Amino acid sequence: MRKPFAFALMLAAAMGLAACDKASEDKAQDAQQHAEQAQEKMGEAQDKMNDAAKENAEAAKDQAEAQQKAAEEAAKEAAPATPAPEAAPAAPAPEAAPATPAEPAKQ
């Protein structure tokens, strides 16, 4: 009598535990859902990184343009306001007499 009773008790306990436990199919579905969510989040993170890289590139381009404009402005300020007309080549000056005589005059 003890054997059939113990067998029935073990069978009932196993059935009760099996009913409370998720089926392996449910676990597989949950794992698949989590994997899909992780994949989506990885895609979103990659998109954010790409956007940040584009913003950095645009900022660097804008900064380079600003530096170039500043250099052009500095060059304009350093140059004369009106361009000087091109002067004709200067003719050599005629040789003038020396300002002091080389020999003093004798009397």
C-alpha atoms as a PDB file:
ATOM      1  CA  MET A   1       0.000   0.000   0.000  1.00  0.00           C
ATOM      2  CA  ARG A   2       2.849   2.316   0.607  1.00  0.00           C
ATOM      3  CA  LYS A   3       4.188   1.998  -2.944  1.00  0.00           C
ATOM      4  CA  PRO A   4       0.997   2.981  -4.798  1.00  0.00           C
ATOM      5  CA  PHE A   5       0.426   5.878  -2.392  1.00  0.00           C
ATOM      6  CA  ALA A   6       4.008   7.157  -2.772  1.00  0.00           C
ATOM      7  CA  PHE A   7       3.761   6.741  -6.535  1.00  0.00           C
ATOM      8  CA  ALA A   8       0.500   8.717  -6.684  1.00  0.00           C
ATOM      9  CA  LEU A   9       1.955  11.435  -4.449  1.00  0.00           C
ATOM     10  CA  MET A  10       5.039  11.793  -6.620  1.00  0.00           C
ATOM     11  CA  LEU A  11       2.923  11.882  -9.779  1.00  0.00           C
ATOM     12  CA  ALA A  12       0.696  14.620  -8.317  1.00  0.00           C
ATOM     13  CA  ALA A  13       3.719  16.668  -7.203  1.00  0.00           C
ATOM     14  CA  ALA A  14       5.331  16.373 -10.638  1.00  0.00           C
ATOM     15  CA  MET A  15       2.093  17.445 -12.346  1.00  0.00           C
ATOM     16  CA  GLY A  16       1.715  20.404  -9.972  1.00  0.00           C
ATOM     17  CA  LEU A  17       5.267  21.573 -10.592  1.00  0.00           C
ATOM     18  CA  ALA A  18       4.904  21.120 -14.341  1.00  0.00           C
ATOM     19  CA  ALA A  19       1.739  23.203 -14.364  1.00  0.00           C
ATOM     20  CA  CYS A  20       3.450  26.056 -12.497  1.00  0.00           C
ATOM     21  CA  ASP A  21       6.560  26.043 -14.670  1.00  0.00           C
ATOM     22  CA  LYS A  22       6.644  27.825 -18.028  1.00  0.00           C
ATOM     23  CA  ALA A  23       6.921  25.568 -21.008  1.00  0.00           C
ATOM     24  CA  SER A  24      10.196  25.535 -22.840  1.00  0.00           C
ATOM     25  CA  GLU A  25       8.406  27.038 -25.841  1.00  0.00           C
ATOM     26  CA  ASP A  26       7.446  30.067 -23.742  1.00  0.00           C
ATOM     27  CA  LYS A  27      11.024  30.436 -22.623  1.00  0.00           C
ATOM     28  CA  ALA A  28      12.240  30.262 -26.212  1.00  0.00           C
ATOM     29  CA  GLN A  29       9.718  32.925 -27.260  1.00  0.00           C
ATOM     30  CA  ASP A  30      10.774  35.187 -24.400  1.00  0.00           C
ATOM     31  CA  ALA A  31      14.418  34.723 -25.321  1.00  0.00           C
ATOM     32  CA  GLN A  32      13.608  35.572 -28.948  1.00  0.00           C
ATOM     33  CA  GLN A  33      11.744  38.723 -27.882  1.00  0.00           C
ATOM     34  CA  HIS A  34      14.624  39.818 -25.686  1.00  0.00           C
ATOM     35  CA  ALA A  35      17.077  39.195 -28.504  1.00  0.00           C
ATOM     36  CA  GLU A  36      14.944  41.285 -30.884  1.00  0.00           C
ATOM     37  CA  GLN A  37      14.716  44.099 -28.338  1.00  0.00           C
ATOM     38  CA  ALA A  38      18.463  44.014 -27.815  1.00  0.00           C
ATOM     39  CA  GLN A  39      18.986  44.123 -31.595  1.00  0.00           C
ATOM     40  CA  GLU A  40      16.673  47.150 -31.890  1.00  0.00           C
ATOM     41  CA  LYS A  41      18.476  48.951 -29.082  1.00  0.00           C
ATOM     42  CA  MET A  42      21.825  48.219 -30.718  1.00  0.00           C
ATOM     43  CA  GLY A  43      20.484  49.677 -33.972  1.00  0.00           C
ATOM     44  CA  GLU A  44      19.250  52.784 -32.156  1.00  0.00           C
ATOM     45  CA  ALA A  45      22.609  53.195 -30.433  1.00  0.00           C
ATOM     46  CA  GLN A  46      24.400  52.865 -33.787  1.00  0.00           C
ATOM     47  CA  ASP A  47      22.072  55.487 -35.293  1.00  0.00           C
ATOM     48  CA  LYS A  48      22.814  57.849 -32.418  1.00  0.00           C
ATOM     49  CA  MET A  49      26.549  57.331 -32.898  1.00  0.00           C
ATOM     50  CA  ASN A  50      26.214  58.023 -36.633  1.00  0.00           C
ATOM     51  CA  ASP A  51      24.219  61.189 -35.923  1.00  0.00           C
ATOM     52  CA  ALA A  52      26.838  62.347 -33.427  1.00  0.00           C
ATOM     53  CA  ALA A  53      29.611  61.712 -35.949  1.00  0.00           C
ATOM     54  CA  LYS A  54      27.727  63.729 -38.590  1.00  0.00           C
ATOM     55  CA  GLU A  55      27.225  66.581 -36.134  1.00  0.00           C
ATOM     56  CA  ASN A  56      30.932  66.550 -35.256  1.00  0.00           C
ATOM     57  CA  ALA A  57      31.868  66.635 -38.935  1.00  0.00           C
ATOM     58  CA  GLU A  58      29.497  69.540 -39.578  1.00  0.00           C
ATOM     59  CA  ALA A  59      30.835  71.400 -36.552  1.00  0.00           C
ATOM     60  CA  ALA A  60      34.416  70.913 -37.723  1.00  0.00           C
ATOM     61  CA  LYS A  61      33.466  72.140 -41.199  1.00  0.00           C
ATOM     62  CA  ASP A  62      31.710  75.209 -39.751  1.00  0.00           C
ATOM     63  CA  GLN A  63      34.701  75.941 -37.531  1.00  0.00           C
ATOM     64  CA  ALA A  64      37.094  75.681 -40.478  1.00  0.00           C
ATOM     65  CA  GLU A  65      34.911  78.052 -42.497  1.00  0.00           C
ATOM     66  CA  ALA A  66      34.793  80.502 -39.586  1.00  0.00           C
ATOM     67  CA  GLN A  67      38.577  80.396 -39.237  1.00  0.00           C
ATOM     68  CA  GLN A  68      38.985  80.968 -42.964  1.00  0.00           C
ATOM     69  CA  LYS A  69      36.623  83.958 -42.867  1.00  0.00           C
ATOM     70  CA  ALA A  70      38.465  85.368 -39.858  1.00  0.00           C
ATOM     71  CA  ALA A  71      41.773  85.011 -41.690  1.00  0.00           C
ATOM     72  CA  GLU A  72      40.319  86.748 -44.740  1.00  0.00           C
ATOM     73  CA  GLU A  73      39.000  89.595 -42.558  1.00  0.00           C
ATOM     74  CA  ALA A  74      42.382  89.956 -40.881  1.00  0.00           C
ATOM     75  CA  ALA A  75      44.060  90.078 -44.277  1.00  0.00           C
ATOM     76  CA  LYS A  76      41.623  92.759 -45.451  1.00  0.00           C
ATOM     77  CA  GLU A  77      42.301  94.858 -42.355  1.00  0.00           C
ATOM     78  CA  ALA A  78      46.048  94.541 -42.819  1.00  0.00           C
ATOM     79  CA  ALA A  79      45.858  95.591 -46.485  1.00  0.00           C
ATOM     80  CA  PRO A  80      45.380  99.289 -47.342  1.00  0.00           C
ATOM     81  CA  ALA A  81      41.800 100.465 -47.684  1.00  0.00           C
ATOM     82  CA  THR A  82      42.241 101.550 -51.306  1.00  0.00           C
ATOM     83  CA  PRO A  83      44.636  99.795 -53.595  1.00  0.00           C
ATOM     84  CA  ALA A  84      47.579 101.958 -54.580  1.00  0.00           C
ATOM     85  CA  PRO A  85      47.858 102.639 -58.309  1.00  0.00           C
ATOM     86  CA  GLU A  86      50.765 100.965 -59.899  1.00  0.00           C
ATOM     87  CA  ALA A  87      53.547 103.475 -60.224  1.00  0.00           C
ATOM     88  CA  ALA A  88      55.499 103.737 -63.423  1.00  0.00           C
ATOM     89  CA  PRO A  89      59.063 102.624 -63.069  1.00  0.00           C
ATOM     90  CA  ALA A  90      61.030 105.501 -61.665  1.00  0.00           C
ATOM     91  CA  ALA A  91      63.553 107.089 -64.006  1.00  0.00           C
ATOM     92  CA  PRO A  92      66.995 107.267 -62.559  1.00  0.00           C
ATOM     93  CA  ALA A  93      67.665 110.635 -61.033  1.00  0.00           C
ATOM     94  CA  PRO A  94      70.294 112.733 -62.787  1.00  0.00           C
ATOM     95  CA  GLU A  95      73.544 112.756 -60.971  1.00  0.00           C
ATOM     96  CA  ALA A  96      73.877 115.857 -58.940  1.00  0.00           C
ATOM     97  CA  ALA A  97      77.069 117.581 -58.003  1.00  0.00           C
ATOM     98  CA  PRO A  98      78.472 116.476 -54.703  1.00  0.00           C
ATOM     99  CA  ALA A  99      77.259 118.535 -51.803  1.00  0.00           C
ATOM    100  CA  THR A 100      80.788 119.142 -50.487  1.00  0.00           C
ATOM    101  CA  PRO A 101      83.694 119.727 -52.719  1.00  0.00           C
ATOM    102  CA  ALA A 102      86.417 117.166 -52.545  1.00  0.00           C
ATOM    103  CA  GLU A 103      89.162 119.794 -52.540  1.00  0.00           C
ATOM    104  CA  PRO A 104      88.966 123.151 -50.910  1.00  0.00           C
ATOM    105  CA  ALA A 105      89.393 126.080 -53.217  1.00  0.00           C
ATOM    106  CA  LYS A 106      92.910 127.569 -53.318  1.00  0.00           C
ATOM    107  CA  GLN A 107      93.498 131.310 -53.301  1.00  0.00           C
END
